[in-house]
Amino acid sequence: HPELYRFVVRRTFADRPVRSDPVTA
């Protein structure tokens, strides 16, 4: 799932600070 990995790690989709960071979790 390379694109899913990039989607999550790069965080460009999120339009505001997130309530919890999936990468850190």
PDBML (XML) file of the C-alpha atoms, coordinates in Angstrom:
<?xml version="1.0" encoding="UTF-8" ?>
<PDBx:datablock datablockName="MODEL"
   xmlns:PDBx="http://pdbml.pdb.org/schema/pdbx-v50.xsd"
   xmlns:xsi="http://www.w3.org/2001/XMLSchema-instance"
   xsi:schemaLocation="http://pdbml.pdb.org/schema/pdbx-v50.xsd pdbx-v50.xsd">
   <PDBx:atom_siteCategory>
      <PDBx:atom_site id="1">
         <PDBx:B_iso_or_equiv>0.00</PDBx:B_iso_or_equiv>
         <PDBx:Cartn_x>0.000</PDBx:Cartn_x>
         <PDBx:Cartn_y>0.000</PDBx:Cartn_y>
         <PDBx:Cartn_z>0.000</PDBx:Cartn_z>
         <PDBx:auth_asym_id>A</PDBx:auth_asym_id>
         <PDBx:auth_atom_id>CA</PDBx:auth_atom_id>
         <PDBx:auth_comp_id>HIS</PDBx:auth_comp_id>
         <PDBx:auth_seq_id>1</PDBx:auth_seq_id>
         <PDBx:group_PDB>ATOM</PDBx:group_PDB>
         <PDBx:label_alt_id xsi:nil="true" />
         <PDBx:label_asym_id>A</PDBx:label_asym_id>
         <PDBx:label_atom_id>CA</PDBx:label_atom_id>
         <PDBx:label_comp_id>HIS</PDBx:label_comp_id>
         <PDBx:label_entity_id>1</PDBx:label_entity_id>
         <PDBx:label_seq_id>1</PDBx:label_seq_id>
         <PDBx:occupancy>1.00</PDBx:occupancy>
         <PDBx:pdbx_PDB_model_num>1</PDBx:pdbx_PDB_model_num>
         <PDBx:type_symbol>C</PDBx:type_symbol>
      </PDBx:atom_site>
      <PDBx:atom_site id="2">
         <PDBx:B_iso_or_equiv>0.00</PDBx:B_iso_or_equiv>
         <PDBx:Cartn_x>2.617</PDBx:Cartn_x>
         <PDBx:Cartn_y>2.603</PDBx:Cartn_y>
         <PDBx:Cartn_z>-1.013</PDBx:Cartn_z>
         <PDBx:auth_asym_id>A</PDBx:auth_asym_id>
         <PDBx:auth_atom_id>CA</PDBx:auth_atom_id>
         <PDBx:auth_comp_id>PRO</PDBx:auth_comp_id>
         <PDBx:auth_seq_id>2</PDBx:auth_seq_id>
         <PDBx:group_PDB>ATOM</PDBx:group_PDB>
         <PDBx:label_alt_id xsi:nil="true" />
         <PDBx:label_asym_id>A</PDBx:label_asym_id>
         <PDBx:label_atom_id>CA</PDBx:label_atom_id>
         <PDBx:label_comp_id>PRO</PDBx:label_comp_id>
         <PDBx:label_entity_id>1</PDBx:label_entity_id>
         <PDBx:label_seq_id>2</PDBx:label_seq_id>
         <PDBx:occupancy>1.00</PDBx:occupancy>
         <PDBx:pdbx_PDB_model_num>1</PDBx:pdbx_PDB_model_num>
         <PDBx:type_symbol>C</PDBx:type_symbol>
      </PDBx:atom_site>
      <PDBx:atom_site id="3">
         <PDBx:B_iso_or_equiv>0.00</PDBx:B_iso_or_equiv>
         <PDBx:Cartn_x>0.147</PDBx:Cartn_x>
         <PDBx:Cartn_y>5.410</PDBx:Cartn_y>
         <PDBx:Cartn_z>-1.742</PDBx:Cartn_z>
         <PDBx:auth_asym_id>A</PDBx:auth_asym_id>
         <PDBx:auth_atom_id>CA</PDBx:auth_atom_id>
         <PDBx:auth_comp_id>GLU</PDBx:auth_comp_id>
         <PDBx:auth_seq_id>3</PDBx:auth_seq_id>
         <PDBx:group_PDB>ATOM</PDBx:group_PDB>
         <PDBx:label_alt_id xsi:nil="true" />
         <PDBx:label_asym_id>A</PDBx:label_asym_id>
         <PDBx:label_atom_id>CA</PDBx:label_atom_id>
         <PDBx:label_comp_id>GLU</PDBx:label_comp_id>
         <PDBx:label_entity_id>1</PDBx:label_entity_id>
         <PDBx:label_seq_id>3</PDBx:label_seq_id>
         <PDBx:occupancy>1.00</PDBx:occupancy>
         <PDBx:pdbx_PDB_model_num>1</PDBx:pdbx_PDB_model_num>
         <PDBx:type_symbol>C</PDBx:type_symbol>
      </PDBx:atom_site>
      <PDBx:atom_site id="4">
         <PDBx:B_iso_or_equiv>0.00</PDBx:B_iso_or_equiv>
         <PDBx:Cartn_x>-1.725</PDBx:Cartn_x>
         <PDBx:Cartn_y>4.806</PDBx:Cartn_y>
         <PDBx:Cartn_z>1.501</PDBx:Cartn_z>
         <PDBx:auth_asym_id>A</PDBx:auth_asym_id>
         <PDBx:auth_atom_id>CA</PDBx:auth_atom_id>
         <PDBx:auth_comp_id>LEU</PDBx:auth_comp_id>
         <PDBx:auth_seq_id>4</PDBx:auth_seq_id>
         <PDBx:group_PDB>ATOM</PDBx:group_PDB>
         <PDBx:label_alt_id xsi:nil="true" />
         <PDBx:label_asym_id>A</PDBx:label_asym_id>
         <PDBx:label_atom_id>CA</PDBx:label_atom_id>
         <PDBx:label_comp_id>LEU</PDBx:label_comp_id>
         <PDBx:label_entity_id>1</PDBx:label_entity_id>
         <PDBx:label_seq_id>4</PDBx:label_seq_id>
         <PDBx:occupancy>1.00</PDBx:occupancy>
         <PDBx:pdbx_PDB_model_num>1</PDBx:pdbx_PDB_model_num>
         <PDBx:type_symbol>C</PDBx:type_symbol>
      </PDBx:atom_site>
      <PDBx:atom_site id="5">
         <PDBx:B_iso_or_equiv>0.00</PDBx:B_iso_or_equiv>
         <PDBx:Cartn_x>1.593</PDBx:Cartn_x>
         <PDBx:Cartn_y>5.015</PDBx:Cartn_y>
         <PDBx:Cartn_z>3.344</PDBx:Cartn_z>
         <PDBx:auth_asym_id>A</PDBx:auth_asym_id>
         <PDBx:auth_atom_id>CA</PDBx:auth_atom_id>
         <PDBx:auth_comp_id>TYR</PDBx:auth_comp_id>
         <PDBx:auth_seq_id>5</PDBx:auth_seq_id>
         <PDBx:group_PDB>ATOM</PDBx:group_PDB>
         <PDBx:label_alt_id xsi:nil="true" />
         <PDBx:label_asym_id>A</PDBx:label_asym_id>
         <PDBx:label_atom_id>CA</PDBx:label_atom_id>
         <PDBx:label_comp_id>TYR</PDBx:label_comp_id>
         <PDBx:label_entity_id>1</PDBx:label_entity_id>
         <PDBx:label_seq_id>5</PDBx:label_seq_id>
         <PDBx:occupancy>1.00</PDBx:occupancy>
         <PDBx:pdbx_PDB_model_num>1</PDBx:pdbx_PDB_model_num>
         <PDBx:type_symbol>C</PDBx:type_symbol>
      </PDBx:atom_site>
      <PDBx:atom_site id="6">
         <PDBx:B_iso_or_equiv>0.00</PDBx:B_iso_or_equiv>
         <PDBx:Cartn_x>2.424</PDBx:Cartn_x>
         <PDBx:Cartn_y>8.332</PDBx:Cartn_y>
         <PDBx:Cartn_z>1.636</PDBx:Cartn_z>
         <PDBx:auth_asym_id>A</PDBx:auth_asym_id>
         <PDBx:auth_atom_id>CA</PDBx:auth_atom_id>
         <PDBx:auth_comp_id>ARG</PDBx:auth_comp_id>
         <PDBx:auth_seq_id>6</PDBx:auth_seq_id>
         <PDBx:group_PDB>ATOM</PDBx:group_PDB>
         <PDBx:label_alt_id xsi:nil="true" />
         <PDBx:label_asym_id>A</PDBx:label_asym_id>
         <PDBx:label_atom_id>CA</PDBx:label_atom_id>
         <PDBx:label_comp_id>ARG</PDBx:label_comp_id>
         <PDBx:label_entity_id>1</PDBx:label_entity_id>
         <PDBx:label_seq_id>6</PDBx:label_seq_id>
         <PDBx:occupancy>1.00</PDBx:occupancy>
         <PDBx:pdbx_PDB_model_num>1</PDBx:pdbx_PDB_model_num>
         <PDBx:type_symbol>C</PDBx:type_symbol>
      </PDBx:atom_site>
      <PDBx:atom_site id="7">
         <PDBx:B_iso_or_equiv>0.00</PDBx:B_iso_or_equiv>
         <PDBx:Cartn_x>-1.099</PDBx:Cartn_x>
         <PDBx:Cartn_y>9.636</PDBx:Cartn_y>
         <PDBx:Cartn_z>2.261</PDBx:Cartn_z>
         <PDBx:auth_asym_id>A</PDBx:auth_asym_id>
         <PDBx:auth_atom_id>CA</PDBx:auth_atom_id>
         <PDBx:auth_comp_id>PHE</PDBx:auth_comp_id>
         <PDBx:auth_seq_id>7</PDBx:auth_seq_id>
         <PDBx:group_PDB>ATOM</PDBx:group_PDB>
         <PDBx:label_alt_id xsi:nil="true" />
         <PDBx:label_asym_id>A</PDBx:label_asym_id>
         <PDBx:label_atom_id>CA</PDBx:label_atom_id>
         <PDBx:label_comp_id>PHE</PDBx:label_comp_id>
         <PDBx:label_entity_id>1</PDBx:label_entity_id>
         <PDBx:label_seq_id>7</PDBx:label_seq_id>
         <PDBx:occupancy>1.00</PDBx:occupancy>
         <PDBx:pdbx_PDB_model_num>1</PDBx:pdbx_PDB_model_num>
         <PDBx:type_symbol>C</PDBx:type_symbol>
      </PDBx:atom_site>
      <PDBx:atom_site id="8">
         <PDBx:B_iso_or_equiv>0.00</PDBx:B_iso_or_equiv>
         <PDBx:Cartn_x>-0.766</PDBx:Cartn_x>
         <PDBx:Cartn_y>9.017</PDBx:Cartn_y>
         <PDBx:Cartn_z>6.002</PDBx:Cartn_z>
         <PDBx:auth_asym_id>A</PDBx:auth_asym_id>
         <PDBx:auth_atom_id>CA</PDBx:auth_atom_id>
         <PDBx:auth_comp_id>VAL</PDBx:auth_comp_id>
         <PDBx:auth_seq_id>8</PDBx:auth_seq_id>
         <PDBx:group_PDB>ATOM</PDBx:group_PDB>
         <PDBx:label_alt_id xsi:nil="true" />
         <PDBx:label_asym_id>A</PDBx:label_asym_id>
         <PDBx:label_atom_id>CA</PDBx:label_atom_id>
         <PDBx:label_comp_id>VAL</PDBx:label_comp_id>
         <PDBx:label_entity_id>1</PDBx:label_entity_id>
         <PDBx:label_seq_id>8</PDBx:label_seq_id>
         <PDBx:occupancy>1.00</PDBx:occupancy>
         <PDBx:pdbx_PDB_model_num>1</PDBx:pdbx_PDB_model_num>
         <PDBx:type_symbol>C</PDBx:type_symbol>
      </PDBx:atom_site>
      <PDBx:atom_site id="9">
         <PDBx:B_iso_or_equiv>0.00</PDBx:B_iso_or_equiv>
         <PDBx:Cartn_x>2.867</PDBx:Cartn_x>
         <PDBx:Cartn_y>10.079</PDBx:Cartn_y>
         <PDBx:Cartn_z>6.443</PDBx:Cartn_z>
         <PDBx:auth_asym_id>A</PDBx:auth_asym_id>
         <PDBx:auth_atom_id>CA</PDBx:auth_atom_id>
         <PDBx:auth_comp_id>VAL</PDBx:auth_comp_id>
         <PDBx:auth_seq_id>9</PDBx:auth_seq_id>
         <PDBx:group_PDB>ATOM</PDBx:group_PDB>
         <PDBx:label_alt_id xsi:nil="true" />
         <PDBx:label_asym_id>A</PDBx:label_asym_id>
         <PDBx:label_atom_id>CA</PDBx:label_atom_id>
         <PDBx:label_comp_id>VAL</PDBx:label_comp_id>
         <PDBx:label_entity_id>1</PDBx:label_entity_id>
         <PDBx:label_seq_id>9</PDBx:label_seq_id>
         <PDBx:occupancy>1.00</PDBx:occupancy>
         <PDBx:pdbx_PDB_model_num>1</PDBx:pdbx_PDB_model_num>
         <PDBx:type_symbol>C</PDBx:type_symbol>
      </PDBx:atom_site>
      <PDBx:atom_site id="10">
         <PDBx:B_iso_or_equiv>0.00</PDBx:B_iso_or_equiv>
         <PDBx:Cartn_x>2.737</PDBx:Cartn_x>
         <PDBx:Cartn_y>13.278</PDBx:Cartn_y>
         <PDBx:Cartn_z>4.343</PDBx:Cartn_z>
         <PDBx:auth_asym_id>A</PDBx:auth_asym_id>
         <PDBx:auth_atom_id>CA</PDBx:auth_atom_id>
         <PDBx:auth_comp_id>ARG</PDBx:auth_comp_id>
         <PDBx:auth_seq_id>10</PDBx:auth_seq_id>
         <PDBx:group_PDB>ATOM</PDBx:group_PDB>
         <PDBx:label_alt_id xsi:nil="true" />
         <PDBx:label_asym_id>A</PDBx:label_asym_id>
         <PDBx:label_atom_id>CA</PDBx:label_atom_id>
         <PDBx:label_comp_id>ARG</PDBx:label_comp_id>
         <PDBx:label_entity_id>1</PDBx:label_entity_id>
         <PDBx:label_seq_id>10</PDBx:label_seq_id>
         <PDBx:occupancy>1.00</PDBx:occupancy>
         <PDBx:pdbx_PDB_model_num>1</PDBx:pdbx_PDB_model_num>
         <PDBx:type_symbol>C</PDBx:type_symbol>
      </PDBx:atom_site>
      <PDBx:atom_site id="11">
         <PDBx:B_iso_or_equiv>0.00</PDBx:B_iso_or_equiv>
         <PDBx:Cartn_x>-0.479</PDBx:Cartn_x>
         <PDBx:Cartn_y>14.586</PDBx:Cartn_y>
         <PDBx:Cartn_z>5.978</PDBx:Cartn_z>
         <PDBx:auth_asym_id>A</PDBx:auth_asym_id>
         <PDBx:auth_atom_id>CA</PDBx:auth_atom_id>
         <PDBx:auth_comp_id>ARG</PDBx:auth_comp_id>
         <PDBx:auth_seq_id>11</PDBx:auth_seq_id>
         <PDBx:group_PDB>ATOM</PDBx:group_PDB>
         <PDBx:label_alt_id xsi:nil="true" />
         <PDBx:label_asym_id>A</PDBx:label_asym_id>
         <PDBx:label_atom_id>CA</PDBx:label_atom_id>
         <PDBx:label_comp_id>ARG</PDBx:label_comp_id>
         <PDBx:label_entity_id>1</PDBx:label_entity_id>
         <PDBx:label_seq_id>11</PDBx:label_seq_id>
         <PDBx:occupancy>1.00</PDBx:occupancy>
         <PDBx:pdbx_PDB_model_num>1</PDBx:pdbx_PDB_model_num>
         <PDBx:type_symbol>C</PDBx:type_symbol>
      </PDBx:atom_site>
      <PDBx:atom_site id="12">
         <PDBx:B_iso_or_equiv>0.00</PDBx:B_iso_or_equiv>
         <PDBx:Cartn_x>-1.259</PDBx:Cartn_x>
         <PDBx:Cartn_y>16.823</PDBx:Cartn_y>
         <PDBx:Cartn_z>2.989</PDBx:Cartn_z>
         <PDBx:auth_asym_id>A</PDBx:auth_asym_id>
         <PDBx:auth_atom_id>CA</PDBx:auth_atom_id>
         <PDBx:auth_comp_id>THR</PDBx:auth_comp_id>
         <PDBx:auth_seq_id>12</PDBx:auth_seq_id>
         <PDBx:group_PDB>ATOM</PDBx:group_PDB>
         <PDBx:label_alt_id xsi:nil="true" />
         <PDBx:label_asym_id>A</PDBx:label_asym_id>
         <PDBx:label_atom_id>CA</PDBx:label_atom_id>
         <PDBx:label_comp_id>THR</PDBx:label_comp_id>
         <PDBx:label_entity_id>1</PDBx:label_entity_id>
         <PDBx:label_seq_id>12</PDBx:label_seq_id>
         <PDBx:occupancy>1.00</PDBx:occupancy>
         <PDBx:pdbx_PDB_model_num>1</PDBx:pdbx_PDB_model_num>
         <PDBx:type_symbol>C</PDBx:type_symbol>
      </PDBx:atom_site>
      <PDBx:atom_site id="13">
         <PDBx:B_iso_or_equiv>0.00</PDBx:B_iso_or_equiv>
         <PDBx:Cartn_x>-4.913</PDBx:Cartn_x>
         <PDBx:Cartn_y>15.746</PDBx:Cartn_y>
         <PDBx:Cartn_z>2.925</PDBx:Cartn_z>
         <PDBx:auth_asym_id>A</PDBx:auth_asym_id>
         <PDBx:auth_atom_id>CA</PDBx:auth_atom_id>
         <PDBx:auth_comp_id>PHE</PDBx:auth_comp_id>
         <PDBx:auth_seq_id>13</PDBx:auth_seq_id>
         <PDBx:group_PDB>ATOM</PDBx:group_PDB>
         <PDBx:label_alt_id xsi:nil="true" />
         <PDBx:label_asym_id>A</PDBx:label_asym_id>
         <PDBx:label_atom_id>CA</PDBx:label_atom_id>
         <PDBx:label_comp_id>PHE</PDBx:label_comp_id>
         <PDBx:label_entity_id>1</PDBx:label_entity_id>
         <PDBx:label_seq_id>13</PDBx:label_seq_id>
         <PDBx:occupancy>1.00</PDBx:occupancy>
         <PDBx:pdbx_PDB_model_num>1</PDBx:pdbx_PDB_model_num>
         <PDBx:type_symbol>C</PDBx:type_symbol>
      </PDBx:atom_site>
      <PDBx:atom_site id="14">
         <PDBx:B_iso_or_equiv>0.00</PDBx:B_iso_or_equiv>
         <PDBx:Cartn_x>-5.741</PDBx:Cartn_x>
         <PDBx:Cartn_y>17.027</PDBx:Cartn_y>
         <PDBx:Cartn_z>6.415</PDBx:Cartn_z>
         <PDBx:auth_asym_id>A</PDBx:auth_asym_id>
         <PDBx:auth_atom_id>CA</PDBx:auth_atom_id>
         <PDBx:auth_comp_id>ALA</PDBx:auth_comp_id>
         <PDBx:auth_seq_id>14</PDBx:auth_seq_id>
         <PDBx:group_PDB>ATOM</PDBx:group_PDB>
         <PDBx:label_alt_id xsi:nil="true" />
         <PDBx:label_asym_id>A</PDBx:label_asym_id>
         <PDBx:label_atom_id>CA</PDBx:label_atom_id>
         <PDBx:label_comp_id>ALA</PDBx:label_comp_id>
         <PDBx:label_entity_id>1</PDBx:label_entity_id>
         <PDBx:label_seq_id>14</PDBx:label_seq_id>
         <PDBx:occupancy>1.00</PDBx:occupancy>
         <PDBx:pdbx_PDB_model_num>1</PDBx:pdbx_PDB_model_num>
         <PDBx:type_symbol>C</PDBx:type_symbol>
      </PDBx:atom_site>
      <PDBx:atom_site id="15">
         <PDBx:B_iso_or_equiv>0.00</PDBx:B_iso_or_equiv>
         <PDBx:Cartn_x>-6.992</PDBx:Cartn_x>
         <PDBx:Cartn_y>20.624</PDBx:Cartn_y>
         <PDBx:Cartn_z>6.337</PDBx:Cartn_z>
         <PDBx:auth_asym_id>A</PDBx:auth_asym_id>
         <PDBx:auth_atom_id>CA</PDBx:auth_atom_id>
         <PDBx:auth_comp_id>ASP</PDBx:auth_comp_id>
         <PDBx:auth_seq_id>15</PDBx:auth_seq_id>
         <PDBx:group_PDB>ATOM</PDBx:group_PDB>
         <PDBx:label_alt_id xsi:nil="true" />
         <PDBx:label_asym_id>A</PDBx:label_asym_id>
         <PDBx:label_atom_id>CA</PDBx:label_atom_id>
         <PDBx:label_comp_id>ASP</PDBx:label_comp_id>
         <PDBx:label_entity_id>1</PDBx:label_entity_id>
         <PDBx:label_seq_id>15</PDBx:label_seq_id>
         <PDBx:occupancy>1.00</PDBx:occupancy>
         <PDBx:pdbx_PDB_model_num>1</PDBx:pdbx_PDB_model_num>
         <PDBx:type_symbol>C</PDBx:type_symbol>
      </PDBx:atom_site>
      <PDBx:atom_site id="16">
         <PDBx:B_iso_or_equiv>0.00</PDBx:B_iso_or_equiv>
         <PDBx:Cartn_x>-6.384</PDBx:Cartn_x>
         <PDBx:Cartn_y>21.387</PDBx:Cartn_y>
         <PDBx:Cartn_z>10.028</PDBx:Cartn_z>
         <PDBx:auth_asym_id>A</PDBx:auth_asym_id>
         <PDBx:auth_atom_id>CA</PDBx:auth_atom_id>
         <PDBx:auth_comp_id>ARG</PDBx:auth_comp_id>
         <PDBx:auth_seq_id>16</PDBx:auth_seq_id>
         <PDBx:group_PDB>ATOM</PDBx:group_PDB>
         <PDBx:label_alt_id xsi:nil="true" />
         <PDBx:label_asym_id>A</PDBx:label_asym_id>
         <PDBx:label_atom_id>CA</PDBx:label_atom_id>
         <PDBx:label_comp_id>ARG</PDBx:label_comp_id>
         <PDBx:label_entity_id>1</PDBx:label_entity_id>
         <PDBx:label_seq_id>16</PDBx:label_seq_id>
         <PDBx:occupancy>1.00</PDBx:occupancy>
         <PDBx:pdbx_PDB_model_num>1</PDBx:pdbx_PDB_model_num>
         <PDBx:type_symbol>C</PDBx:type_symbol>
      </PDBx:atom_site>
      <PDBx:atom_site id="17">
         <PDBx:B_iso_or_equiv>0.00</PDBx:B_iso_or_equiv>
         <PDBx:Cartn_x>-4.464</PDBx:Cartn_x>
         <PDBx:Cartn_y>19.950</PDBx:Cartn_y>
         <PDBx:Cartn_z>13.004</PDBx:Cartn_z>
         <PDBx:auth_asym_id>A</PDBx:auth_asym_id>
         <PDBx:auth_atom_id>CA</PDBx:auth_atom_id>
         <PDBx:auth_comp_id>PRO</PDBx:auth_comp_id>
         <PDBx:auth_seq_id>17</PDBx:auth_seq_id>
         <PDBx:group_PDB>ATOM</PDBx:group_PDB>
         <PDBx:label_alt_id xsi:nil="true" />
         <PDBx:label_asym_id>A</PDBx:label_asym_id>
         <PDBx:label_atom_id>CA</PDBx:label_atom_id>
         <PDBx:label_comp_id>PRO</PDBx:label_comp_id>
         <PDBx:label_entity_id>1</PDBx:label_entity_id>
         <PDBx:label_seq_id>17</PDBx:label_seq_id>
         <PDBx:occupancy>1.00</PDBx:occupancy>
         <PDBx:pdbx_PDB_model_num>1</PDBx:pdbx_PDB_model_num>
         <PDBx:type_symbol>C</PDBx:type_symbol>
      </PDBx:atom_site>
      <PDBx:atom_site id="18">
         <PDBx:B_iso_or_equiv>0.00</PDBx:B_iso_or_equiv>
         <PDBx:Cartn_x>-5.664</PDBx:Cartn_x>
         <PDBx:Cartn_y>16.422</PDBx:Cartn_y>
         <PDBx:Cartn_z>13.677</PDBx:Cartn_z>
         <PDBx:auth_asym_id>A</PDBx:auth_asym_id>
         <PDBx:auth_atom_id>CA</PDBx:auth_atom_id>
         <PDBx:auth_comp_id>VAL</PDBx:auth_comp_id>
         <PDBx:auth_seq_id>18</PDBx:auth_seq_id>
         <PDBx:group_PDB>ATOM</PDBx:group_PDB>
         <PDBx:label_alt_id xsi:nil="true" />
         <PDBx:label_asym_id>A</PDBx:label_asym_id>
         <PDBx:label_atom_id>CA</PDBx:label_atom_id>
         <PDBx:label_comp_id>VAL</PDBx:label_comp_id>
         <PDBx:label_entity_id>1</PDBx:label_entity_id>
         <PDBx:label_seq_id>18</PDBx:label_seq_id>
         <PDBx:occupancy>1.00</PDBx:occupancy>
         <PDBx:pdbx_PDB_model_num>1</PDBx:pdbx_PDB_model_num>
         <PDBx:type_symbol>C</PDBx:type_symbol>
      </PDBx:atom_site>
      <PDBx:atom_site id="19">
         <PDBx:B_iso_or_equiv>0.00</PDBx:B_iso_or_equiv>
         <PDBx:Cartn_x>-7.118</PDBx:Cartn_x>
         <PDBx:Cartn_y>15.168</PDBx:Cartn_y>
         <PDBx:Cartn_z>16.973</PDBx:Cartn_z>
         <PDBx:auth_asym_id>A</PDBx:auth_asym_id>
         <PDBx:auth_atom_id>CA</PDBx:auth_atom_id>
         <PDBx:auth_comp_id>ARG</PDBx:auth_comp_id>
         <PDBx:auth_seq_id>19</PDBx:auth_seq_id>
         <PDBx:group_PDB>ATOM</PDBx:group_PDB>
         <PDBx:label_alt_id xsi:nil="true" />
         <PDBx:label_asym_id>A</PDBx:label_asym_id>
         <PDBx:label_atom_id>CA</PDBx:label_atom_id>
         <PDBx:label_comp_id>ARG</PDBx:label_comp_id>
         <PDBx:label_entity_id>1</PDBx:label_entity_id>
         <PDBx:label_seq_id>19</PDBx:label_seq_id>
         <PDBx:occupancy>1.00</PDBx:occupancy>
         <PDBx:pdbx_PDB_model_num>1</PDBx:pdbx_PDB_model_num>
         <PDBx:type_symbol>C</PDBx:type_symbol>
      </PDBx:atom_site>
      <PDBx:atom_site id="20">
         <PDBx:B_iso_or_equiv>0.00</PDBx:B_iso_or_equiv>
         <PDBx:Cartn_x>-4.663</PDBx:Cartn_x>
         <PDBx:Cartn_y>12.249</PDBx:Cartn_y>
         <PDBx:Cartn_z>16.951</PDBx:Cartn_z>
         <PDBx:auth_asym_id>A</PDBx:auth_asym_id>
         <PDBx:auth_atom_id>CA</PDBx:auth_atom_id>
         <PDBx:auth_comp_id>SER</PDBx:auth_comp_id>
         <PDBx:auth_seq_id>20</PDBx:auth_seq_id>
         <PDBx:group_PDB>ATOM</PDBx:group_PDB>
         <PDBx:label_alt_id xsi:nil="true" />
         <PDBx:label_asym_id>A</PDBx:label_asym_id>
         <PDBx:label_atom_id>CA</PDBx:label_atom_id>
         <PDBx:label_comp_id>SER</PDBx:label_comp_id>
         <PDBx:label_entity_id>1</PDBx:label_entity_id>
         <PDBx:label_seq_id>20</PDBx:label_seq_id>
         <PDBx:occupancy>1.00</PDBx:occupancy>
         <PDBx:pdbx_PDB_model_num>1</PDBx:pdbx_PDB_model_num>
         <PDBx:type_symbol>C</PDBx:type_symbol>
      </PDBx:atom_site>
      <PDBx:atom_site id="21">
         <PDBx:B_iso_or_equiv>0.00</PDBx:B_iso_or_equiv>
         <PDBx:Cartn_x>-1.608</PDBx:Cartn_x>
         <PDBx:Cartn_y>11.575</PDBx:Cartn_y>
         <PDBx:Cartn_z>14.799</PDBx:Cartn_z>
         <PDBx:auth_asym_id>A</PDBx:auth_asym_id>
         <PDBx:auth_atom_id>CA</PDBx:auth_atom_id>
         <PDBx:auth_comp_id>ASP</PDBx:auth_comp_id>
         <PDBx:auth_seq_id>21</PDBx:auth_seq_id>
         <PDBx:group_PDB>ATOM</PDBx:group_PDB>
         <PDBx:label_alt_id xsi:nil="true" />
         <PDBx:label_asym_id>A</PDBx:label_asym_id>
         <PDBx:label_atom_id>CA</PDBx:label_atom_id>
         <PDBx:label_comp_id>ASP</PDBx:label_comp_id>
         <PDBx:label_entity_id>1</PDBx:label_entity_id>
         <PDBx:label_seq_id>21</PDBx:label_seq_id>
         <PDBx:occupancy>1.00</PDBx:occupancy>
         <PDBx:pdbx_PDB_model_num>1</PDBx:pdbx_PDB_model_num>
         <PDBx:type_symbol>C</PDBx:type_symbol>
      </PDBx:atom_site>
      <PDBx:atom_site id="22">
         <PDBx:B_iso_or_equiv>0.00</PDBx:B_iso_or_equiv>
         <PDBx:Cartn_x>-1.876</PDBx:Cartn_x>
         <PDBx:Cartn_y>8.156</PDBx:Cartn_y>
         <PDBx:Cartn_z>13.078</PDBx:Cartn_z>
         <PDBx:auth_asym_id>A</PDBx:auth_asym_id>
         <PDBx:auth_atom_id>CA</PDBx:auth_atom_id>
         <PDBx:auth_comp_id>PRO</PDBx:auth_comp_id>
         <PDBx:auth_seq_id>22</PDBx:auth_seq_id>
         <PDBx:group_PDB>ATOM</PDBx:group_PDB>
         <PDBx:label_alt_id xsi:nil="true" />
         <PDBx:label_asym_id>A</PDBx:label_asym_id>
         <PDBx:label_atom_id>CA</PDBx:label_atom_id>
         <PDBx:label_comp_id>PRO</PDBx:label_comp_id>
         <PDBx:label_entity_id>1</PDBx:label_entity_id>
         <PDBx:label_seq_id>22</PDBx:label_seq_id>
         <PDBx:occupancy>1.00</PDBx:occupancy>
         <PDBx:pdbx_PDB_model_num>1</PDBx:pdbx_PDB_model_num>
         <PDBx:type_symbol>C</PDBx:type_symbol>
      </PDBx:atom_site>
      <PDBx:atom_site id="23">
         <PDBx:B_iso_or_equiv>0.00</PDBx:B_iso_or_equiv>
         <PDBx:Cartn_x>1.872</PDBx:Cartn_x>
         <PDBx:Cartn_y>8.050</PDBx:Cartn_y>
         <PDBx:Cartn_z>12.428</PDBx:Cartn_z>
         <PDBx:auth_asym_id>A</PDBx:auth_asym_id>
         <PDBx:auth_atom_id>CA</PDBx:auth_atom_id>
         <PDBx:auth_comp_id>VAL</PDBx:auth_comp_id>
         <PDBx:auth_seq_id>23</PDBx:auth_seq_id>
         <PDBx:group_PDB>ATOM</PDBx:group_PDB>
         <PDBx:label_alt_id xsi:nil="true" />
         <PDBx:label_asym_id>A</PDBx:label_asym_id>
         <PDBx:label_atom_id>CA</PDBx:label_atom_id>
         <PDBx:label_comp_id>VAL</PDBx:label_comp_id>
         <PDBx:label_entity_id>1</PDBx:label_entity_id>
         <PDBx:label_seq_id>23</PDBx:label_seq_id>
         <PDBx:occupancy>1.00</PDBx:occupancy>
         <PDBx:pdbx_PDB_model_num>1</PDBx:pdbx_PDB_model_num>
         <PDBx:type_symbol>C</PDBx:type_symbol>
      </PDBx:atom_site>
      <PDBx:atom_site id="24">
         <PDBx:B_iso_or_equiv>0.00</PDBx:B_iso_or_equiv>
         <PDBx:Cartn_x>2.737</PDBx:Cartn_x>
         <PDBx:Cartn_y>8.597</PDBx:Cartn_y>
         <PDBx:Cartn_z>16.086</PDBx:Cartn_z>
         <PDBx:auth_asym_id>A</PDBx:auth_asym_id>
         <PDBx:auth_atom_id>CA</PDBx:auth_atom_id>
         <PDBx:auth_comp_id>THR</PDBx:auth_comp_id>
         <PDBx:auth_seq_id>24</PDBx:auth_seq_id>
         <PDBx:group_PDB>ATOM</PDBx:group_PDB>
         <PDBx:label_alt_id xsi:nil="true" />
         <PDBx:label_asym_id>A</PDBx:label_asym_id>
         <PDBx:label_atom_id>CA</PDBx:label_atom_id>
         <PDBx:label_comp_id>THR</PDBx:label_comp_id>
         <PDBx:label_entity_id>1</PDBx:label_entity_id>
         <PDBx:label_seq_id>24</PDBx:label_seq_id>
         <PDBx:occupancy>1.00</PDBx:occupancy>
         <PDBx:pdbx_PDB_model_num>1</PDBx:pdbx_PDB_model_num>
         <PDBx:type_symbol>C</PDBx:type_symbol>
      </PDBx:atom_site>
      <PDBx:atom_site id="25">
         <PDBx:B_iso_or_equiv>0.00</PDBx:B_iso_or_equiv>
         <PDBx:Cartn_x>0.059</PDBx:Cartn_x>
         <PDBx:Cartn_y>6.140</PDBx:Cartn_y>
         <PDBx:Cartn_z>17.182</PDBx:Cartn_z>
         <PDBx:auth_asym_id>A</PDBx:auth_asym_id>
         <PDBx:auth_atom_id>CA</PDBx:auth_atom_id>
         <PDBx:auth_comp_id>ALA</PDBx:auth_comp_id>
         <PDBx:auth_seq_id>25</PDBx:auth_seq_id>
         <PDBx:group_PDB>ATOM</PDBx:group_PDB>
         <PDBx:label_alt_id xsi:nil="true" />
         <PDBx:label_asym_id>A</PDBx:label_asym_id>
         <PDBx:label_atom_id>CA</PDBx:label_atom_id>
         <PDBx:label_comp_id>ALA</PDBx:label_comp_id>
         <PDBx:label_entity_id>1</PDBx:label_entity_id>
         <PDBx:label_seq_id>25</PDBx:label_seq_id>
         <PDBx:occupancy>1.00</PDBx:occupancy>
         <PDBx:pdbx_PDB_model_num>1</PDBx:pdbx_PDB_model_num>
         <PDBx:type_symbol>C</PDBx:type_symbol>
      </PDBx:atom_site>
   </PDBx:atom_siteCategory>
</PDBx:datablock>
